[in-house]
Amino acid sequence: MKAINPDLLRFDDHGLIVAIAQEVTSGAVLMVAYMDREALQRTVDSGEAHFWSRSRKSPWHKGETSGNFLHVEAIQADCDADALLLSVHPTGPACHTGSRSCFAAEATLLEQLDATLAERRRERPPGSYTTTLFDAGRAAILRKLGEEAVETILAGTEDDDGALLHEVADLWFHSLVLLAERGLSGSDVLRVLAERRRARQVSQPG
């Protein structure tokens, strides 16, 4: 992980700076905490998130007691240098309540789609296009996905960028439907891609 120069940061009067932990795969904000200079250095040295607890007035290694560590891939400061963004891979729930995030609602479009499709699969509301796909079964979903793949290929042979974007959107959506039918999600796919990326970085350092 690339080091960040604390001398270029703007810590507050208490020697603290806001630190936002964002899941690198989905882009979801998991939690907001504070760091002092020592916590920042420990994070850079260990690759795991360290913070300063304002309530306990003591250093805090996230996951030390719960086992829910935040592995930090990158740290960047905002344009005013008074806040940090940590790109992390969580090993468990980030919130002390046991939730994945300290923010209850799904924040990213992919998370919202995943949640909506899981709900459609579970509740099958009448009048929903997705319900008709789930009711028709996996074979019908696969046929529809195949149709969308062919239409995407055909659109790719033309010069109409708008048409191509619409076809790719349809292809992605029906891929998410297939994943939901299997009890999976788009976020699961992003995790696979992230694991491949980390593997390449390890095998090709620098």
Protein backbone atom coordinates (compact mmCIF):
# COMPACT_ATOMS: atom_id res chain seq x y z
CA MET A 1 0.00 0.00 0.00
CA LYS A 2 1.30 3.43 -0.94
CA ALA A 3 2.21 5.54 2.09
CA ILE A 4 0.54 8.89 2.62
CA ASN A 5 2.46 11.86 4.04
CA PRO A 6 0.75 12.97 7.29
CA ASP A 7 2.48 16.35 7.06
CA LEU A 8 0.30 17.14 4.05
CA LEU A 9 -2.91 16.40 5.95
CA ARG A 10 -5.05 18.82 7.96
CA PHE A 11 -5.73 17.24 11.36
CA ASP A 12 -8.24 19.02 13.60
CA ASP A 13 -7.48 20.73 16.92
CA HIS A 14 -7.57 17.33 18.64
CA GLY A 15 -5.06 15.84 16.22
CA LEU A 16 -7.72 13.80 14.41
CA ILE A 17 -8.88 13.40 10.82
CA VAL A 18 -12.07 11.83 9.47
CA ALA A 19 -11.54 8.37 7.93
CA ILE A 20 -14.21 6.85 5.67
CA ALA A 21 -14.02 3.10 5.04
CA GLN A 22 -15.37 2.16 1.60
CA GLU A 23 -15.64 -1.41 0.34
CA VAL A 24 -13.39 -1.60 -2.70
CA THR A 25 -15.56 -4.13 -4.54
CA SER A 26 -19.01 -2.52 -4.30
CA GLY A 27 -18.16 1.09 -3.45
CA ALA A 28 -20.42 0.92 -0.40
CA VAL A 29 -19.47 3.12 2.55
CA LEU A 30 -19.06 0.79 5.53
CA MET A 31 -18.24 3.15 8.39
CA VAL A 32 -16.86 6.53 9.39
CA ALA A 33 -14.27 6.91 12.14
CA TYR A 34 -11.27 9.05 13.08
CA MET A 35 -7.53 8.62 12.86
CA ASP A 36 -4.63 10.32 14.57
CA ARG A 37 -1.13 10.25 13.14
CA GLU A 38 -0.26 7.04 14.96
CA ALA A 39 -3.38 5.22 13.75
CA LEU A 40 -2.64 6.29 10.20
CA GLN A 41 0.92 5.00 10.43
CA ARG A 42 -0.20 1.71 11.96
CA THR A 43 -2.72 1.29 9.16
CA VAL A 44 -0.07 1.85 6.50
CA ASP A 45 2.41 -0.48 8.22
CA SER A 46 -0.02 -3.33 8.93
CA GLY A 47 -2.46 -3.10 6.03
CA GLU A 48 -5.32 -3.27 8.55
CA ALA A 49 -7.44 -0.31 9.65
CA HIS A 50 -6.49 1.37 12.91
CA PHE A 51 -8.47 4.28 14.33
CA TRP A 52 -8.68 6.58 17.33
CA SER A 53 -11.73 6.04 19.54
CA ARG A 54 -13.07 9.41 20.68
CA SER A 55 -15.36 7.79 23.26
CA ARG A 56 -12.64 5.66 24.84
CA LYS A 57 -9.88 8.16 24.05
CA SER A 58 -7.59 5.34 23.01
CA PRO A 59 -6.21 3.61 19.88
CA TRP A 60 -8.55 1.15 18.20
CA HIS A 61 -7.53 -1.73 15.94
CA LYS A 62 -10.71 -2.52 14.02
CA GLY A 63 -11.49 -6.23 14.42
CA GLU A 64 -9.08 -6.87 17.27
CA THR A 65 -11.85 -8.25 19.48
CA SER A 66 -14.53 -9.16 16.91
CA GLY A 67 -12.29 -10.59 14.19
CA ASN A 68 -14.02 -8.32 11.67
CA PHE A 69 -10.91 -6.67 10.27
CA LEU A 70 -10.76 -4.10 7.50
CA HIS A 71 -7.90 -4.90 5.13
CA VAL A 72 -6.84 -1.62 3.55
CA GLU A 73 -5.86 -1.62 -0.11
CA ALA A 74 -5.40 2.13 -0.57
CA ILE A 75 -5.68 5.44 1.29
CA GLN A 76 -6.31 8.80 -0.32
CA ALA A 77 -6.99 12.28 1.01
CA ASP A 78 -9.74 14.53 -0.28
CA CYS A 79 -9.05 17.79 -2.08
CA ASP A 80 -8.90 19.77 1.18
CA ALA A 81 -6.66 17.16 2.85
CA ASP A 82 -8.97 17.06 5.88
CA ALA A 83 -10.59 13.65 5.26
CA LEU A 84 -9.30 10.21 4.28
CA LEU A 85 -10.90 7.54 2.10
CA LEU A 86 -9.86 3.97 2.90
CA SER A 87 -10.51 1.37 0.19
CA VAL A 88 -11.03 -1.81 2.19
CA HIS A 89 -11.82 -5.51 2.04
CA PRO A 90 -13.87 -6.41 5.15
CA THR A 91 -13.56 -9.86 6.70
CA GLY A 92 -16.97 -9.54 8.33
CA PRO A 93 -19.58 -6.99 9.37
CA ALA A 94 -18.16 -3.49 9.71
CA CYS A 95 -20.82 -2.23 12.12
CA HIS A 96 -20.82 -3.08 15.83
CA THR A 97 -24.49 -4.04 15.46
CA GLY A 98 -23.51 -6.95 13.23
CA SER A 99 -24.62 -5.25 10.03
CA ARG A 100 -22.39 -5.17 6.99
CA SER A 101 -22.38 -1.37 7.03
CA CYS A 102 -23.12 1.30 9.61
CA PHE A 103 -25.53 2.75 7.02
CA ALA A 104 -28.69 0.67 6.82
CA ALA A 105 -29.89 1.23 3.25
CA GLU A 106 -28.13 -0.03 0.13
CA ALA A 107 -26.12 2.87 -1.25
CA THR A 108 -24.90 1.80 -4.67
CA LEU A 109 -27.01 1.04 -7.73
CA LEU A 110 -25.70 -2.53 -7.85
CA GLU A 111 -26.63 -3.14 -4.21
CA GLN A 112 -30.09 -1.70 -4.81
CA LEU A 113 -30.60 -3.96 -7.83
CA ASP A 114 -29.36 -6.99 -5.90
CA ALA A 115 -31.75 -6.21 -3.05
CA THR A 116 -34.70 -5.61 -5.38
CA LEU A 117 -34.13 -8.83 -7.31
CA ALA A 118 -33.76 -10.85 -4.11
CA GLU A 119 -37.06 -9.36 -2.92
CA ARG A 120 -38.78 -10.14 -6.24
CA ARG A 121 -37.56 -13.73 -6.08
CA ARG A 122 -38.80 -14.09 -2.52
CA GLU A 123 -42.16 -12.28 -2.69
CA ARG A 124 -43.13 -12.61 -6.40
CA PRO A 125 -45.30 -9.44 -6.55
CA PRO A 126 -47.88 -9.61 -9.37
CA GLY A 127 -47.34 -7.34 -12.36
CA SER A 128 -43.55 -7.40 -12.06
CA TYR A 129 -41.57 -8.34 -15.17
CA THR A 130 -38.93 -9.94 -12.96
CA THR A 131 -41.60 -12.02 -11.24
CA THR A 132 -42.62 -13.46 -14.62
CA LEU A 133 -39.01 -14.50 -15.23
CA PHE A 134 -38.68 -16.16 -11.83
CA ASP A 135 -42.05 -17.89 -12.26
CA ALA A 136 -40.98 -19.18 -15.68
CA GLY A 137 -37.90 -20.82 -14.19
CA ARG A 138 -34.20 -21.04 -14.87
CA ALA A 139 -34.50 -22.38 -18.41
CA ALA A 140 -36.60 -19.39 -19.44
CA ILE A 141 -34.16 -16.99 -17.77
CA LEU A 142 -31.28 -18.61 -19.64
CA ARG A 143 -33.13 -18.31 -22.95
CA LYS A 144 -33.81 -14.62 -22.31
CA LEU A 145 -30.17 -14.07 -21.36
CA GLY A 146 -29.11 -15.75 -24.59
CA GLU A 147 -31.41 -13.46 -26.58
CA GLU A 148 -29.94 -10.41 -24.89
CA ALA A 149 -26.40 -11.63 -25.60
CA VAL A 150 -27.18 -12.00 -29.30
CA GLU A 151 -28.81 -8.55 -29.41
CA THR A 152 -25.76 -7.05 -27.72
CA ILE A 153 -23.45 -8.64 -30.28
CA LEU A 154 -25.60 -7.34 -33.15
CA ALA A 155 -25.67 -3.85 -31.63
CA GLY A 156 -21.89 -3.99 -31.35
CA THR A 157 -21.60 -4.36 -35.10
CA GLU A 158 -23.38 -1.04 -35.65
CA ASP A 159 -22.25 2.53 -34.98
CA ASP A 160 -25.19 3.45 -32.72
CA ASP A 161 -23.59 3.89 -29.28
CA GLY A 162 -26.95 4.52 -27.62
CA ALA A 163 -28.37 1.25 -28.89
CA LEU A 164 -25.29 -0.64 -27.72
CA LEU A 165 -25.52 0.87 -24.24
CA HIS A 166 -29.19 -0.13 -23.97
CA GLU A 167 -28.46 -3.69 -25.08
CA VAL A 168 -25.56 -4.04 -22.64
CA ALA A 169 -27.82 -2.73 -19.87
CA ASP A 170 -30.40 -5.39 -20.76
CA LEU A 171 -27.68 -8.06 -20.81
CA TRP A 172 -26.35 -7.02 -17.41
CA PHE A 173 -29.84 -6.87 -15.91
CA HIS A 174 -30.77 -10.36 -17.06
CA SER A 175 -27.41 -11.64 -15.85
CA LEU A 176 -28.31 -10.26 -12.41
CA VAL A 177 -31.68 -12.03 -12.64
CA LEU A 178 -29.90 -15.32 -13.30
CA LEU A 179 -27.59 -14.73 -10.35
CA ALA A 180 -30.55 -13.92 -8.10
CA GLU A 181 -32.33 -17.09 -9.22
CA ARG A 182 -29.26 -19.00 -8.04
CA GLY A 183 -29.17 -17.12 -4.72
CA LEU A 184 -26.15 -15.10 -5.84
CA SER A 185 -25.65 -11.39 -6.54
CA GLY A 186 -23.75 -8.91 -8.65
CA SER A 187 -21.70 -8.06 -5.58
CA ASP A 188 -20.49 -11.68 -5.54
CA VAL A 189 -19.18 -11.21 -9.08
CA LEU A 190 -17.38 -8.03 -8.07
CA ARG A 191 -15.68 -9.94 -5.26
CA VAL A 192 -14.41 -12.53 -7.75
CA LEU A 193 -13.02 -9.76 -9.96
CA ALA A 194 -11.39 -8.12 -6.93
CA GLU A 195 -9.76 -11.41 -5.93
CA ARG A 196 -8.37 -11.82 -9.46
CA ARG A 197 -7.03 -8.27 -9.36
CA ARG A 198 -5.32 -8.82 -6.01
CA ALA A 199 -3.84 -12.10 -7.28
CA ARG A 200 -2.35 -10.29 -10.30
CA GLN A 201 -0.92 -7.59 -8.03
CA VAL A 202 0.74 -10.22 -5.84
CA SER A 203 2.17 -12.12 -8.82
CA GLN A 204 3.31 -8.93 -10.57
CA PRO A 205 4.51 -6.56 -7.80
CA GLY A 206 5.37 -3.02 -8.82
